[in-house]
């Protein structure tokens, strides 16, 4: 090969290598399409487990992002996400003025906004009980009502301190003299509520919204034990830089009305494996908006 031919061959070789390199790293190339896996932390609460499954399904099926979902208690999951050990955290209720963990972690997190609101806890009764007879806390002082309830308020321990708040209400309210707080575990309380409703009996129980009982039974609050809260999705501080816009925009649009949260919980309790798909099939327009944005409307 003469020198001129070798020069032309070398130039063509360099050009070909550059083209192949640019193609590999271009937006349409393989390297750019590889999105880093997401480590998703959720609390053990039924609503957060259900939402975690829905997020996982959508990220993997619609956005081609691998997800590792892990159950973490609030304090642990929040700290790990703030340290960058996890990418997303679901399960923190706000406002939370009394939480040192939240105060120390807030500035190290990316707030993606609320994913559901109208979170409450309080004393609730079956909806079939006449509201004119038992519609508020003051109605509990009626001797007839006390007799129908056997002088009992059913309560279970929770993150919101429902037992402690219930005890404080009973002690501070003279109209509740003769009532006692019956402390049982959460599953027993749900079972007792179900038994009572099947028999059309009377009951007052501590309850959270959203929760399994709200997804199964028709109940209403007669006394609030907490202020209304909202649940936000939080990411690691550098979430926006780590993931492409299509992922972060989806996460920012993800929002459920409280009634749909209860519906999702119902599906999840019934069949964990199919809950996310059934929910997606039931609400295709909402899901398309989450994934594609306003262009889907």
Protein backbone atom coordinates (compact mmCIF):
# COMPACT_ATOMS: atom_id res chain seq x y z
CA UNK A 1 0.00 0.00 0.00
CA UNK A 2 1.51 3.37 -1.03
CA UNK A 3 1.80 6.25 1.50
CA UNK A 4 -1.16 8.13 -0.01
CA UNK A 5 -3.42 5.08 0.29
CA UNK A 6 -2.30 4.47 3.87
CA UNK A 7 -3.17 8.09 4.75
CA UNK A 8 -6.65 7.80 3.21
CA UNK A 9 -7.18 4.48 4.99
CA UNK A 10 -6.12 5.97 8.34
CA UNK A 11 -8.46 8.95 7.94
CA UNK A 12 -11.38 6.71 7.06
CA UNK A 13 -10.65 4.47 10.04
CA UNK A 14 -10.58 7.41 12.46
CA UNK A 15 -13.80 8.77 10.94
CA UNK A 16 -15.53 5.41 11.29
CA UNK A 17 -14.47 5.10 14.94
CA UNK A 18 -15.80 8.61 15.67
CA UNK A 19 -19.13 7.84 14.01
CA UNK A 20 -19.53 4.62 15.96
CA UNK A 21 -18.62 6.37 19.22
CA UNK A 22 -21.05 9.23 18.67
CA UNK A 23 -23.80 6.79 17.74
CA UNK A 24 -23.23 4.83 20.96
CA UNK A 25 -23.53 7.89 23.19
CA UNK A 26 -26.23 9.76 21.29
CA UNK A 27 -29.78 10.12 22.75
CA UNK A 28 -30.99 7.32 20.52
CA UNK A 29 -28.06 5.05 21.35
CA UNK A 30 -27.82 2.17 23.77
CA UNK A 31 -25.70 3.92 26.38
CA UNK A 32 -28.10 6.84 26.74
CA UNK A 33 -31.08 4.50 27.04
CA UNK A 34 -29.64 2.70 30.04
CA UNK A 35 -31.39 4.21 33.07
CA UNK A 36 -29.91 3.44 36.44
CA UNK A 37 -32.04 1.13 38.66
CA UNK A 38 -34.14 2.75 41.38
CA UNK A 39 -33.96 1.70 45.01
CA UNK A 40 -37.46 2.39 46.37
CA UNK A 41 -38.14 2.38 50.12
CA UNK A 42 -41.69 2.08 51.48
CA UNK A 43 -43.00 1.80 55.04
CA UNK A 44 -44.80 -1.39 56.19
CA UNK A 45 -48.20 0.37 56.15
CA UNK A 46 -50.67 -1.29 53.75
CA UNK A 47 -51.24 1.89 51.74
CA UNK A 48 -47.51 2.44 51.20
CA UNK A 49 -46.91 -1.19 50.23
CA UNK A 50 -49.71 -0.95 47.66
CA UNK A 51 -48.45 2.34 46.25
CA UNK A 52 -44.91 0.95 46.15
CA UNK A 53 -46.11 -1.98 44.02
CA UNK A 54 -47.98 0.38 41.67
CA UNK A 55 -44.91 2.62 41.25
CA UNK A 56 -42.69 -0.41 40.65
CA UNK A 57 -45.03 -1.83 38.01
CA UNK A 58 -45.28 1.47 36.11
CA UNK A 59 -41.58 2.29 36.25
CA UNK A 60 -40.64 -1.14 34.97
CA UNK A 61 -43.41 -1.73 32.43
CA UNK A 62 -43.91 1.79 31.04
CA UNK A 63 -40.55 3.50 31.59
CA UNK A 64 -38.15 0.53 31.39
CA UNK A 65 -36.55 1.28 34.77
CA UNK A 66 -35.55 -1.59 37.02
CA UNK A 67 -36.80 -1.12 40.59
CA UNK A 68 -35.68 -2.72 43.84
CA UNK A 69 -38.51 -2.21 46.36
CA UNK A 70 -37.55 -2.57 50.00
CA UNK A 71 -39.65 -2.24 53.15
CA UNK A 72 -38.11 0.15 55.67
CA UNK A 73 -39.44 1.68 58.84
CA UNK A 74 -39.93 5.43 58.64
CA UNK A 75 -36.78 6.57 60.43
CA UNK A 76 -34.47 4.12 58.69
CA UNK A 77 -35.84 4.67 55.19
CA UNK A 78 -35.80 8.44 55.50
CA UNK A 79 -32.20 8.49 56.75
CA UNK A 80 -30.99 6.14 54.03
CA UNK A 81 -32.65 8.19 51.30
CA UNK A 82 -31.19 11.41 52.72
CA UNK A 83 -27.73 9.78 52.70
CA UNK A 84 -28.17 8.70 49.07
CA UNK A 85 -28.30 4.97 49.87
CA UNK A 86 -31.82 4.84 48.44
CA UNK A 87 -33.39 6.78 45.59
CA UNK A 88 -37.07 7.15 46.58
CA UNK A 89 -39.03 7.02 49.84
CA UNK A 90 -42.82 6.71 50.28
CA UNK A 91 -44.60 6.92 53.62
CA UNK A 92 -43.81 10.24 55.35
CA UNK A 93 -46.87 12.14 56.56
CA UNK A 94 -46.70 15.92 56.75
CA UNK A 95 -46.91 18.28 58.56
CA UNK A 96 -44.62 16.67 61.09
CA UNK A 97 -43.46 19.40 63.47
CA UNK A 98 -42.48 17.02 66.29
CA UNK A 99 -40.13 14.79 64.30
CA UNK A 100 -36.38 15.18 64.81
CA UNK A 101 -35.72 12.70 62.00
CA UNK A 102 -37.68 14.81 59.54
CA UNK A 103 -36.08 18.05 60.72
CA UNK A 104 -32.59 16.63 60.24
CA UNK A 105 -33.32 15.04 56.85
CA UNK A 106 -35.53 17.60 55.07
CA UNK A 107 -32.72 19.69 53.57
CA UNK A 108 -31.03 16.57 52.15
CA UNK A 109 -34.07 15.33 50.22
CA UNK A 110 -35.76 16.14 46.91
CA UNK A 111 -39.46 16.79 47.53
CA UNK A 112 -41.53 15.45 44.61
CA UNK A 113 -44.76 16.76 46.10
CA UNK A 114 -47.79 15.07 47.66
CA UNK A 115 -48.93 11.71 46.30
CA UNK A 116 -52.13 11.71 48.38
CA UNK A 117 -53.83 13.97 50.93
CA UNK A 118 -56.75 14.00 53.41
CA UNK A 119 -54.91 11.63 55.76
CA UNK A 120 -56.64 11.50 59.13
CA UNK A 121 -57.04 9.42 62.25
CA UNK A 122 -59.82 9.44 64.80
CA UNK A 123 -62.77 7.64 66.35
CA UNK A 124 -65.10 6.15 63.76
CA UNK A 125 -68.42 4.32 63.66
CA UNK A 126 -70.22 2.27 60.99
CA UNK A 127 -72.12 4.54 58.61
CA UNK A 128 -75.42 2.76 59.30
CA UNK A 129 -75.54 4.11 62.87
CA UNK A 130 -78.05 7.00 63.01
CA UNK A 131 -76.06 10.22 62.80
CA UNK A 132 -78.65 12.05 64.91
CA UNK A 133 -77.91 9.62 67.74
CA UNK A 134 -74.15 9.21 67.28
CA UNK A 135 -72.72 11.97 65.14
CA UNK A 136 -70.17 13.59 67.41
CA UNK A 137 -68.12 13.14 70.55
CA UNK A 138 -70.79 14.79 72.73
CA UNK A 139 -73.35 12.12 71.78
CA UNK A 140 -71.29 9.51 73.64
CA UNK A 141 -72.49 10.97 76.93
CA UNK A 142 -76.03 9.77 76.19
CA UNK A 143 -76.78 6.79 78.51
CA UNK A 144 -78.56 4.94 75.69
CA UNK A 145 -75.52 5.28 73.43
CA UNK A 146 -73.18 4.20 76.22
CA UNK A 147 -75.29 1.09 76.77
CA UNK A 148 -75.31 0.20 73.06
CA UNK A 149 -71.53 0.48 73.03
CA UNK A 150 -71.10 -1.47 76.30
CA UNK A 151 -69.10 1.52 77.55
CA UNK A 152 -66.17 0.57 75.28
CA UNK A 153 -63.95 2.40 72.81
CA UNK A 154 -61.89 -0.05 70.74
CA UNK A 155 -58.33 1.09 70.08
CA UNK A 156 -55.04 -0.15 68.66
CA UNK A 157 -51.49 1.13 68.80
CA UNK A 158 -50.24 3.15 65.83
CA UNK A 159 -47.59 5.58 64.69
CA UNK A 160 -50.05 8.44 65.28
CA UNK A 161 -50.37 7.59 68.99
CA UNK A 162 -54.09 6.79 68.76
CA UNK A 163 -54.17 4.94 72.08
CA UNK A 164 -52.51 7.75 73.99
CA UNK A 165 -54.74 10.39 72.41
CA UNK A 166 -57.83 8.28 73.07
CA UNK A 167 -56.93 7.87 76.74
CA UNK A 168 -56.40 11.62 77.04
CA UNK A 169 -59.87 12.33 75.55
CA UNK A 170 -61.60 9.88 77.88
CA UNK A 171 -59.86 11.29 80.95
CA UNK A 172 -60.45 14.94 80.08
CA UNK A 173 -64.09 14.66 79.00
CA UNK A 174 -66.62 14.32 81.85
CA UNK A 175 -69.26 13.11 79.42
CA UNK A 176 -67.15 10.00 78.84
CA UNK A 177 -67.20 8.84 82.45
CA UNK A 178 -68.01 5.14 82.43
CA UNK A 179 -66.14 4.46 79.18
CA UNK A 180 -63.02 2.37 78.98
CA UNK A 181 -60.47 2.03 76.21
CA UNK A 182 -60.14 -1.60 75.07
CA UNK A 183 -56.62 -2.04 73.68
CA UNK A 184 -56.17 -4.72 71.04
CA UNK A 185 -53.81 -5.17 68.09
CA UNK A 186 -54.57 -3.73 64.67
CA UNK A 187 -55.70 -6.97 63.00
CA UNK A 188 -57.95 -7.81 65.93
CA UNK A 189 -59.50 -4.34 65.73
CA UNK A 190 -60.22 -4.76 62.01
CA UNK A 191 -61.72 -8.18 62.68
CA UNK A 192 -63.91 -6.82 65.49
CA UNK A 193 -65.13 -3.99 63.27
CA UNK A 194 -66.05 -6.51 60.57
CA UNK A 195 -67.90 -8.76 63.04
CA UNK A 196 -69.81 -5.79 64.43
CA UNK A 197 -70.82 -4.56 60.98
CA UNK A 198 -71.98 -8.01 59.87
CA UNK A 199 -74.24 -8.14 62.92
CA UNK A 200 -75.36 -4.51 62.54
CA UNK A 201 -74.19 -3.73 66.07
CA UNK A 202 -72.70 -0.55 67.54
CA UNK A 203 -68.99 0.16 67.85
CA UNK A 204 -66.58 3.08 68.19
CA UNK A 205 -63.02 2.33 67.12
CA UNK A 206 -59.81 4.17 66.40
CA UNK A 207 -59.09 4.23 62.69
CA UNK A 208 -56.84 5.83 60.10
CA UNK A 209 -57.66 7.05 56.61
CA UNK A 210 -56.48 5.61 54.29
CA UNK A 211 -56.45 2.09 55.70
CA UNK A 212 -57.78 -1.41 55.14
CA UNK A 213 -61.03 -0.80 57.13
CA UNK A 214 -61.78 2.32 55.04
CA UNK A 215 -61.27 0.29 51.88
CA UNK A 216 -63.65 -2.49 53.02
CA UNK A 217 -66.34 -0.93 55.20
CA UNK A 218 -68.59 2.13 55.16
CA UNK A 219 -67.47 4.11 58.21
CA UNK A 220 -67.41 7.75 59.27
CA UNK A 221 -65.51 9.81 61.83
CA UNK A 222 -67.19 11.17 64.94
CA UNK A 223 -64.02 12.65 66.51
CA UNK A 224 -60.68 13.69 65.04
CA UNK A 225 -57.53 12.61 66.87
CA UNK A 226 -55.10 14.13 64.36
CA UNK A 227 -55.00 17.06 61.98
CA UNK A 228 -55.29 16.36 58.28
CA UNK A 229 -51.97 15.34 56.77
CA UNK A 230 -50.57 14.55 53.34
CA UNK A 231 -48.03 12.01 52.14
CA UNK A 232 -45.19 13.20 49.91
CA UNK A 233 -42.77 11.20 47.79
CA UNK A 234 -39.16 12.08 48.52
CA UNK A 235 -36.04 11.35 46.54
CA UNK A 236 -32.35 11.59 47.17
CA UNK A 237 -30.98 15.13 46.84
CA UNK A 238 -29.49 14.54 43.37
CA UNK A 239 -32.50 12.63 42.00
CA UNK A 240 -33.13 15.11 39.16
CA UNK A 241 -29.53 14.82 37.97
CA UNK A 242 -29.38 11.03 38.30
CA UNK A 243 -32.50 10.20 36.25
CA UNK A 244 -33.86 11.49 32.91
CA UNK A 245 -36.78 13.88 32.65
CA UNK A 246 -39.27 11.19 31.65
CA UNK A 247 -38.71 9.45 35.01
CA UNK A 248 -38.67 12.51 37.28
CA UNK A 249 -41.67 14.07 35.52
CA UNK A 250 -43.63 10.85 35.97
CA UNK A 251 -42.78 10.83 39.67
CA UNK A 252 -43.78 14.48 40.01
CA UNK A 253 -47.17 13.86 38.35
CA UNK A 254 -47.98 10.75 40.40
CA UNK A 255 -50.95 11.66 42.62
CA UNK A 256 -53.99 9.77 43.95
CA UNK A 257 -57.23 11.10 45.48
CA UNK A 258 -57.84 9.49 48.87
CA UNK A 259 -60.74 7.37 47.56
CA UNK A 260 -58.45 5.80 44.97
CA UNK A 261 -55.86 5.09 47.65
CA UNK A 262 -58.49 3.15 49.57
CA UNK A 263 -59.48 1.31 46.38
CA UNK A 264 -55.85 0.40 45.70
CA UNK A 265 -55.51 -0.89 49.28
CA UNK A 266 -58.60 -3.05 48.77
CA UNK A 267 -57.15 -4.56 45.58
CA UNK A 268 -53.79 -5.10 47.27
CA UNK A 269 -55.29 -6.82 50.32
CA UNK A 270 -57.35 -9.05 48.03
CA UNK A 271 -54.48 -10.08 45.73
CA UNK A 272 -51.06 -8.47 46.06
CA UNK A 273 -49.82 -9.92 42.78
CA UNK A 274 -52.55 -8.48 40.56
CA UNK A 275 -53.46 -5.25 42.40
CA UNK A 276 -51.27 -2.87 40.38
CA UNK A 277 -52.38 -4.26 37.00
CA UNK A 278 -56.07 -4.18 37.95
CA UNK A 279 -55.77 -0.60 39.13
CA UNK A 280 -54.02 0.41 35.90
CA UNK A 281 -56.74 -1.32 33.86
CA UNK A 282 -59.42 0.52 35.86
CA UNK A 283 -57.88 3.99 35.38
CA UNK A 284 -56.02 4.07 32.03
CA UNK A 285 -56.49 7.83 31.48
CA UNK A 286 -55.04 8.72 34.88
CA UNK A 287 -52.11 6.35 34.40
CA UNK A 288 -51.40 7.69 30.91
CA UNK A 289 -51.32 11.22 32.32
CA UNK A 290 -48.79 10.16 34.95
CA UNK A 291 -46.55 8.55 32.36
CA UNK A 292 -46.98 10.84 29.32
CA UNK A 293 -48.11 14.14 30.80
CA UNK A 294 -50.66 16.60 29.34
CA UNK A 295 -50.08 15.27 25.82
CA UNK A 296 -52.10 12.17 26.77
CA UNK A 297 -55.23 14.21 27.56
